[in-house]
C-alpha cells in the first residue's frame, strides 16, 4: 500500500469569512508529522507541499496529475 499526501500552505484570499491560512497552519504540520511516521514505519508514501493556492483546480491539478496514474495503475492490477 502507498499513501499519497498533499498539503498546501494556504490561500491569502478569505473564503466565506475564513482565512484559509489558518486552516493550513493546522493541516500542513499534521500532514508532515503523518508523513514522517509513515516513513519511519517503512510504509511507502508520497508527500507533496504546495506553497500557495486555495481550494481550486489550479492548486489541485498538480496533485491529480501526480496521483492519478498510480491510482489507475492499482485499479488496473486489481481488475
PDB file of N, CA and C in Angstrom:
ATOM      1  N   UNK A   1       0.846  -1.163   0.000  1.00  0.00           N
ATOM      2  CA  UNK A   1       0.000   0.000   0.000  1.00  0.00           C
ATOM      3  C   UNK A   1       0.895   1.231   0.000  1.00  0.00           C
ATOM      4  N   UNK A   2       0.478   2.229  -0.724  1.00  0.00           N
ATOM      5  CA  UNK A   2       1.164   3.518  -0.698  1.00  0.00           C
ATOM      6  C   UNK A   2       0.149   4.589  -0.333  1.00  0.00           C
ATOM      7  N   UNK A   3       0.561   5.519   0.499  1.00  0.00           N
ATOM      8  CA  UNK A   3      -0.299   6.617   0.918  1.00  0.00           C
ATOM      9  C   UNK A   3       0.181   7.879   0.218  1.00  0.00           C
ATOM     10  N   UNK A   4      -0.735   8.599  -0.408  1.00  0.00           N
ATOM     11  CA  UNK A   4      -0.409   9.868  -1.077  1.00  0.00           C
ATOM     12  C   UNK A   4      -0.903  11.019  -0.217  1.00  0.00           C
ATOM     13  N   UNK A   5       0.009  11.901   0.158  1.00  0.00           N
ATOM     14  CA  UNK A   5      -0.327  13.053   0.998  1.00  0.00           C
ATOM     15  C   UNK A   5       0.019  14.337   0.262  1.00  0.00           C
ATOM     16  N   UNK A   6      -0.936  15.229   0.198  1.00  0.00           N
ATOM     17  CA  UNK A   6      -0.746  16.526  -0.448  1.00  0.00           C
ATOM     18  C   UNK A   6      -1.280  17.594   0.497  1.00  0.00           C
ATOM     19  N   UNK A   7      -0.513  18.652   0.674  1.00  0.00           N
ATOM     20  CA  UNK A   7      -0.973  19.741   1.524  1.00  0.00           C
ATOM     21  C   UNK A   7      -0.531  21.064   0.921  1.00  0.00           C
ATOM     22  N   UNK A   8      -1.273  22.100   1.254  1.00  0.00           N
ATOM     23  CA  UNK A   8      -0.929  23.447   0.815  1.00  0.00           C
ATOM     24  C   UNK A   8      -0.560  24.288   2.015  1.00  0.00           C
ATOM     25  N   UNK A   9      -0.028  25.441   1.728  1.00  0.00           N
ATOM     26  CA  UNK A   9       0.333  26.359   2.806  1.00  0.00           C
ATOM     27  C   UNK A   9      -0.613  27.545   2.883  1.00  0.00           C
ATOM     28  N   UNK A  10      -1.727  27.468   2.174  1.00  0.00           N
ATOM     29  CA  UNK A  10      -2.753  28.468   2.377  1.00  0.00           C
ATOM     30  C   UNK A  10      -3.053  29.334   1.178  1.00  0.00           C
ATOM     31  N   UNK A  11      -4.108  30.064   1.321  1.00  0.00           N
ATOM     32  CA  UNK A  11      -4.617  30.976   0.315  1.00  0.00           C
ATOM     33  C   UNK A  11      -4.821  32.302   1.025  1.00  0.00           C
ATOM     34  N   UNK A  12      -4.226  33.340   0.505  1.00  0.00           N
ATOM     35  CA  UNK A  12      -4.314  34.637   1.175  1.00  0.00           C
ATOM     36  C   UNK A  12      -5.668  35.305   1.011  1.00  0.00           C
ATOM     37  N   UNK A  13      -6.562  34.715   0.199  1.00  0.00           N
ATOM     38  CA  UNK A  13      -7.884  35.308  -0.016  1.00  0.00           C
ATOM     39  C   UNK A  13      -8.908  34.669   0.913  1.00  0.00           C
ATOM     40  N   UNK A  14      -9.569  35.462   1.749  1.00  0.00           N
ATOM     41  CA  UNK A  14     -10.586  34.888   2.629  1.00  0.00           C
ATOM     42  C   UNK A  14     -11.734  34.292   1.819  1.00  0.00           C
ATOM     43  N   UNK A  15     -12.233  33.150   2.258  1.00  0.00           N
ATOM     44  CA  UNK A  15     -13.370  32.497   1.625  1.00  0.00           C
ATOM     45  C   UNK A  15     -14.437  32.285   2.691  1.00  0.00           C
ATOM     46  N   UNK A  16     -15.625  32.806   2.447  1.00  0.00           N
ATOM     47  CA  UNK A  16     -16.733  32.660   3.397  1.00  0.00           C
ATOM     48  C   UNK A  16     -16.353  33.127   4.806  1.00  0.00           C
ATOM     49  N   UNK A  17     -15.560  34.173   4.869  1.00  0.00           N
ATOM     50  CA  UNK A  17     -15.182  34.723   6.166  1.00  0.00           C
ATOM     51  C   UNK A  17     -14.011  34.022   6.839  1.00  0.00           C
ATOM     52  N   UNK A  18     -13.466  32.977   6.230  1.00  0.00           N
ATOM     53  CA  UNK A  18     -12.345  32.256   6.822  1.00  0.00           C
ATOM     54  C   UNK A  18     -11.089  32.531   6.028  1.00  0.00           C
ATOM     55  N   UNK A  19     -10.010  32.791   6.710  1.00  0.00           N
ATOM     56  CA  UNK A  19      -8.719  32.894   6.054  1.00  0.00           C
ATOM     57  C   UNK A  19      -8.136  31.496   6.002  1.00  0.00           C
ATOM     58  N   UNK A  20      -7.953  30.962   4.807  1.00  0.00           N
ATOM     59  CA  UNK A  20      -7.506  29.586   4.657  1.00  0.00           C
ATOM     60  C   UNK A  20      -6.098  29.358   5.190  1.00  0.00           C
ATOM     61  N   UNK A  21      -5.329  30.422   5.413  1.00  0.00           N
ATOM     62  CA  UNK A  21      -4.008  30.249   6.014  1.00  0.00           C
ATOM     63  C   UNK A  21      -4.124  29.590   7.387  1.00  0.00           C
ATOM     64  N   UNK A  22      -5.140  29.969   8.153  1.00  0.00           N
ATOM     65  CA  UNK A  22      -5.318  29.371   9.479  1.00  0.00           C
ATOM     66  C   UNK A  22      -5.523  27.867   9.356  1.00  0.00           C
ATOM     67  N   UNK A  23      -6.397  27.472   8.441  1.00  0.00           N
ATOM     68  CA  UNK A  23      -6.655  26.047   8.267  1.00  0.00           C
ATOM     69  C   UNK A  23      -5.381  25.302   7.887  1.00  0.00           C
ATOM     70  N   UNK A  24      -4.611  25.850   6.973  1.00  0.00           N
ATOM     71  CA  UNK A  24      -3.383  25.180   6.547  1.00  0.00           C
ATOM     72  C   UNK A  24      -2.308  25.235   7.625  1.00  0.00           C
ATOM     73  N   UNK A  25      -2.358  26.243   8.486  1.00  0.00           N
ATOM     74  CA  UNK A  25      -1.408  26.285   9.603  1.00  0.00           C
ATOM     75  C   UNK A  25      -1.601  25.080  10.515  1.00  0.00           C
ATOM     76  N   UNK A  26      -2.802  24.546  10.551  1.00  0.00           N
ATOM     77  CA  UNK A  26      -3.082  23.361  11.354  1.00  0.00           C
ATOM     78  C   UNK A  26      -2.851  22.096  10.527  1.00  0.00           C
ATOM     79  N   UNK A  27      -3.362  22.080   9.298  1.00  0.00           N
ATOM     80  CA  UNK A  27      -3.319  20.875   8.471  1.00  0.00           C
ATOM     81  C   UNK A  27      -1.902  20.540   8.008  1.00  0.00           C
ATOM     82  N   UNK A  28      -1.152  21.519   7.535  1.00  0.00           N
ATOM     83  CA  UNK A  28       0.180  21.245   6.972  1.00  0.00           C
ATOM     84  C   UNK A  28       1.119  20.574   7.974  1.00  0.00           C
ATOM     85  N   UNK A  29       1.246  21.064   9.212  1.00  0.00           N
ATOM     86  CA  UNK A  29       2.144  20.381  10.161  1.00  0.00           C
ATOM     87  C   UNK A  29       1.671  18.966  10.513  1.00  0.00           C
ATOM     88  N   UNK A  30       0.359  18.764  10.581  1.00  0.00           N
ATOM     89  CA  UNK A  30      -0.156  17.429  10.869  1.00  0.00           C
ATOM     90  C   UNK A  30       0.137  16.462   9.727  1.00  0.00           C
ATOM     91  N   UNK A  31       0.046  16.971   8.495  1.00  0.00           N
ATOM     92  CA  UNK A  31       0.343  16.134   7.330  1.00  0.00           C
ATOM     93  C   UNK A  31       1.823  15.768   7.314  1.00  0.00           C
ATOM     94  N   UNK A  32       2.688  16.723   7.620  1.00  0.00           N
ATOM     95  CA  UNK A  32       4.123  16.448   7.700  1.00  0.00           C
ATOM     96  C   UNK A  32       4.406  15.395   8.767  1.00  0.00           C
ATOM     97  N   UNK A  33       3.806  15.542   9.928  1.00  0.00           N
ATOM     98  CA  UNK A  33       4.011  14.577  11.015  1.00  0.00           C
ATOM     99  C   UNK A  33       3.584  13.172  10.572  1.00  0.00           C
ATOM    100  N   UNK A  34       2.423  13.072   9.940  1.00  0.00           N
ATOM    101  CA  UNK A  34       1.923  11.784   9.475  1.00  0.00           C
ATOM    102  C   UNK A  34       2.871  11.186   8.432  1.00  0.00           C
ATOM    103  N   UNK A  35       3.362  12.027   7.517  1.00  0.00           N
ATOM    104  CA  UNK A  35       4.313  11.564   6.502  1.00  0.00           C
ATOM    105  C   UNK A  35       5.582  11.021   7.162  1.00  0.00           C
ATOM    106  N   UNK A  36       6.062  11.690   8.183  1.00  0.00           N
ATOM    107  CA  UNK A  36       7.263  11.230   8.894  1.00  0.00           C
ATOM    108  C   UNK A  36       7.018   9.896   9.599  1.00  0.00           C
ATOM    109  N   UNK A  37       5.837   9.741  10.182  1.00  0.00           N
ATOM    110  CA  UNK A  37       5.506   8.495  10.866  1.00  0.00           C
ATOM    111  C   UNK A  37       5.398   7.339   9.875  1.00  0.00           C
ATOM    112  N   UNK A  38       4.804   7.588   8.712  1.00  0.00           N
ATOM    113  CA  UNK A  38       4.728   6.558   7.681  1.00  0.00           C
ATOM    114  C   UNK A  38       6.125   6.139   7.240  1.00  0.00           C
ATOM    115  N   UNK A  39       6.987   7.140   7.015  1.00  0.00           N
ATOM    116  CA  UNK A  39       8.352   6.845   6.587  1.00  0.00           C
ATOM    117  C   UNK A  39       9.088   6.027   7.649  1.00  0.00           C
ATOM    118  N   UNK A  40       8.954   6.414   8.906  1.00  0.00           N
ATOM    119  CA  UNK A  40       9.625   5.697   9.993  1.00  0.00           C
ATOM    120  C   UNK A  40       9.137   4.253  10.102  1.00  0.00           C
ATOM    121  N   UNK A  41       7.878   4.031   9.745  1.00  0.00           N
ATOM    122  CA  UNK A  41       7.305   2.681   9.803  1.00  0.00           C
ATOM    123  C   UNK A  41       7.589   1.879   8.534  1.00  0.00           C
ATOM    124  N   UNK A  42       8.253   2.503   7.563  1.00  0.00           N
ATOM    125  CA  UNK A  42       8.578   1.809   6.325  1.00  0.00           C
ATOM    126  C   UNK A  42       7.413   1.678   5.366  1.00  0.00           C
ATOM    127  N   UNK A  43       6.406   2.513   5.537  1.00  0.00           N
ATOM    128  CA  UNK A  43       5.233   2.482   4.654  1.00  0.00           C
ATOM    129  C   UNK A  43       5.477   3.441   3.496  1.00  0.00           C
ATOM    130  N   UNK A  44       5.386   2.947   2.262  1.00  0.00           N
ATOM    131  CA  UNK A  44       5.601   3.839   1.114  1.00  0.00           C
ATOM    132  C   UNK A  44       4.601   4.984   1.116  1.00  0.00           C
ATOM    133  N   UNK A  45       5.103   6.156   0.812  1.00  0.00           N
ATOM    134  CA  UNK A  45       4.218   7.319   0.773  1.00  0.00           C
ATOM    135  C   UNK A  45       4.762   8.358  -0.189  1.00  0.00           C
ATOM    136  N   UNK A  46       3.859   9.158  -0.682  1.00  0.00           N
ATOM    137  CA  UNK A  46       4.201  10.341  -1.455  1.00  0.00           C
ATOM    138  C   UNK A  46       3.797  11.527  -0.599  1.00  0.00           C
ATOM    139  N   UNK A  47       4.662  12.514  -0.496  1.00  0.00           N
ATOM    140  CA  UNK A  47       4.358  13.700   0.310  1.00  0.00           C
ATOM    141  C   UNK A  47       4.731  14.919  -0.510  1.00  0.00           C
ATOM    142  N   UNK A  48       3.757  15.757  -0.811  1.00  0.00           N
ATOM    143  CA  UNK A  48       3.986  16.971  -1.592  1.00  0.00           C
ATOM    144  C   UNK A  48       3.369  18.167  -0.870  1.00  0.00           C
ATOM    145  N   UNK A  49       4.106  19.277  -0.896  1.00  0.00           N
ATOM    146  CA  UNK A  49       3.627  20.527  -0.303  1.00  0.00           C
ATOM    147  C   UNK A  49       3.511  21.555  -1.418  1.00  0.00           C
ATOM    148  N   UNK A  50       2.354  22.186  -1.491  1.00  0.00           N
ATOM    149  CA  UNK A  50       2.128  23.259  -2.452  1.00  0.00           C
ATOM    150  C   UNK A  50       2.156  24.575  -1.673  1.00  0.00           C
ATOM    151  N   UNK A  51       3.147  25.441  -1.947  1.00  0.00           N
ATOM    152  CA  UNK A  51       3.355  26.623  -1.110  1.00  0.00           C
ATOM    153  C   UNK A  51       2.264  27.683  -1.194  1.00  0.00           C
ATOM    154  N   UNK A  52       1.529  27.700  -2.264  1.00  0.00           N
ATOM    155  CA  UNK A  52       0.475  28.706  -2.405  1.00  0.00           C
ATOM    156  C   UNK A  52      -0.762  28.043  -2.996  1.00  0.00           C
ATOM    157  N   UNK A  53      -1.858  28.718  -2.894  1.00  0.00           N
ATOM    158  CA  UNK A  53      -3.055  28.241  -3.567  1.00  0.00           C
ATOM    159  C   UNK A  53      -4.163  27.893  -2.600  1.00  0.00           C
ATOM    160  N   UNK A  54      -5.338  27.812  -3.167  1.00  0.00           N
ATOM    161  CA  UNK A  54      -6.514  27.531  -2.360  1.00  0.00           C
ATOM    162  C   UNK A  54      -7.224  26.287  -2.845  1.00  0.00           C
ATOM    163  N   UNK A  55      -8.476  26.231  -2.542  1.00  0.00           N
ATOM    164  CA  UNK A  55      -9.296  25.082  -2.893  1.00  0.00           C
ATOM    165  C   UNK A  55      -9.849  25.275  -4.296  1.00  0.00           C
ATOM    166  N   UNK A  56      -8.974  25.012  -5.267  1.00  0.00           N
ATOM    167  CA  UNK A  56      -9.343  25.178  -6.667  1.00  0.00           C
ATOM    168  C   UNK A  56      -8.455  24.284  -7.528  1.00  0.00           C
ATOM    169  N   UNK A  57      -8.805  24.154  -8.807  1.00  0.00           N
ATOM    170  CA  UNK A  57      -8.067  23.247  -9.686  1.00  0.00           C
ATOM    171  C   UNK A  57      -6.640  23.724  -9.980  1.00  0.00           C
ATOM    172  N   UNK A  58      -6.391  25.016  -9.852  1.00  0.00           N
ATOM    173  CA  UNK A  58      -5.024  25.492 -10.052  1.00  0.00           C
ATOM    174  C   UNK A  58      -4.089  24.838  -9.028  1.00  0.00           C
ATOM    175  N   UNK A  59      -4.580  24.659  -7.838  1.00  0.00           N
ATOM    176  CA  UNK A  59      -3.806  24.021  -6.783  1.00  0.00           C
ATOM    177  C   UNK A  59      -3.922  22.501  -6.860  1.00  0.00           C
ATOM    178  N   UNK A  60      -5.121  21.989  -7.072  1.00  0.00           N
ATOM    179  CA  UNK A  60      -5.339  20.537  -7.056  1.00  0.00           C
ATOM    180  C   UNK A  60      -4.835  19.841  -8.308  1.00  0.00           C
ATOM    181  N   UNK A  61      -4.773  20.557  -9.423  1.00  0.00           N
ATOM    182  CA  UNK A  61      -4.370  19.941 -10.686  1.00  0.00           C
ATOM    183  C   UNK A  61      -3.049  19.194 -10.602  1.00  0.00           C
ATOM    184  N   UNK A  62      -1.987  19.805 -10.073  1.00  0.00           N
ATOM    185  CA  UNK A  62      -0.706  19.085  -9.981  1.00  0.00           C
ATOM    186  C   UNK A  62      -0.785  17.835  -9.105  1.00  0.00           C
ATOM    187  N   UNK A  63      -1.571  17.883  -8.034  1.00  0.00           N
ATOM    188  CA  UNK A  63      -1.717  16.696  -7.182  1.00  0.00           C
ATOM    189  C   UNK A  63      -2.429  15.581  -7.943  1.00  0.00           C
ATOM    190  N   UNK A  64      -3.456  15.933  -8.700  1.00  0.00           N
ATOM    191  CA  UNK A  64      -4.150  14.924  -9.506  1.00  0.00           C
ATOM    192  C   UNK A  64      -3.235  14.355 -10.576  1.00  0.00           C
ATOM    193  N   UNK A  65      -2.471  15.227 -11.233  1.00  0.00           N
ATOM    194  CA  UNK A  65      -1.525  14.755 -12.250  1.00  0.00           C
ATOM    195  C   UNK A  65      -0.509  13.789 -11.649  1.00  0.00           C
ATOM    196  N   UNK A  66      -0.118  14.016 -10.416  1.00  0.00           N
ATOM    197  CA  UNK A  66       0.860  13.172  -9.749  1.00  0.00           C
ATOM    198  C   UNK A  66       0.238  11.848  -9.300  1.00  0.00           C
ATOM    199  N   UNK A  67      -0.938  11.894  -8.703  1.00  0.00           N
ATOM    200  CA  UNK A  67      -1.526  10.709  -8.075  1.00  0.00           C
ATOM    201  C   UNK A  67      -2.333   9.829  -9.024  1.00  0.00           C
ATOM    202  N   UNK A  68      -3.014  10.438  -9.981  1.00  0.00           N
ATOM    203  CA  UNK A  68      -3.941   9.668 -10.808  1.00  0.00           C
ATOM    204  C   UNK A  68      -3.297   8.500 -11.548  1.00  0.00           C
ATOM    205  N   UNK A  69      -2.121   8.636 -12.131  1.00  0.00           N
ATOM    206  CA  UNK A  69      -1.517   7.471 -12.795  1.00  0.00           C
ATOM    207  C   UNK A  69      -1.282   6.296 -11.836  1.00  0.00           C
ATOM    208  N   UNK A  70      -0.894   6.578 -10.597  1.00  0.00           N
ATOM    209  CA  UNK A  70      -0.696   5.497  -9.627  1.00  0.00           C
ATOM    210  C   UNK A  70      -2.025   4.853  -9.250  1.00  0.00           C
ATOM    211  N   UNK A  71      -3.054   5.655  -9.065  1.00  0.00           N
ATOM    212  CA  UNK A  71      -4.369   5.117  -8.724  1.00  0.00           C
ATOM    213  C   UNK A  71      -4.880   4.222  -9.856  1.00  0.00           C
ATOM    214  N   UNK A  72      -4.803   4.708 -11.078  1.00  0.00           N
ATOM    215  CA  UNK A  72      -5.259   3.930 -12.230  1.00  0.00           C
ATOM    216  C   UNK A  72      -4.435   2.647 -12.357  1.00  0.00           C
ATOM    217  N   UNK A  73      -3.134   2.730 -12.111  1.00  0.00           N
ATOM    218  CA  UNK A  73      -2.286   1.550 -12.165  1.00  0.00           C
ATOM    219  C   UNK A  73      -2.712   0.481 -11.165  1.00  0.00           C
ATOM    220  N   UNK A  74      -3.069   0.902  -9.965  1.00  0.00           N
ATOM    221  CA  UNK A  74      -3.533  -0.057  -8.948  1.00  0.00           C
ATOM    222  C   UNK A  74      -4.882  -0.635  -9.314  1.00  0.00           C
ATOM    223  N   UNK A  75      -5.769   0.191  -9.850  1.00  0.00           N
ATOM    224  CA  UNK A  75      -7.083  -0.311 -10.265  1.00  0.00           C
ATOM    225  C   UNK A  75      -6.954  -1.298 -11.406  1.00  0.00           C
ATOM    226  N   UNK A  76      -6.034  -1.033 -12.316  1.00  0.00           N
ATOM    227  CA  UNK A  76      -5.815  -1.932 -13.455  1.00  0.00           C
ATOM    228  C   UNK A  76      -5.312  -3.292 -12.959  1.00  0.00           C
ATOM    229  N   UNK A  77      -4.398  -3.291 -11.989  1.00  0.00           N
ATOM    230  CA  UNK A  77      -3.885  -4.547 -11.431  1.00  0.00           C
ATOM    231  C   UNK A  77      -4.994  -5.334 -10.724  1.00  0.00           C
ATOM    232  N   UNK A  78      -5.893  -4.612 -10.053  1.00  0.00           N
ATOM    233  CA  UNK A  78      -6.966  -5.269  -9.296  1.00  0.00           C
ATOM    234  C   UNK A  78      -7.997  -5.914 -10.225  1.00  0.00           C
ATOM    235  N   UNK A  79      -8.144  -5.376 -11.440  1.00  0.00           N
ATOM    236  CA  UNK A  79      -9.171  -5.858 -12.355  1.00  0.00           C
ATOM    237  C   UNK A  79      -8.713  -6.998 -13.121  1.00  0.00           C
TER     238      UNK A  79
END
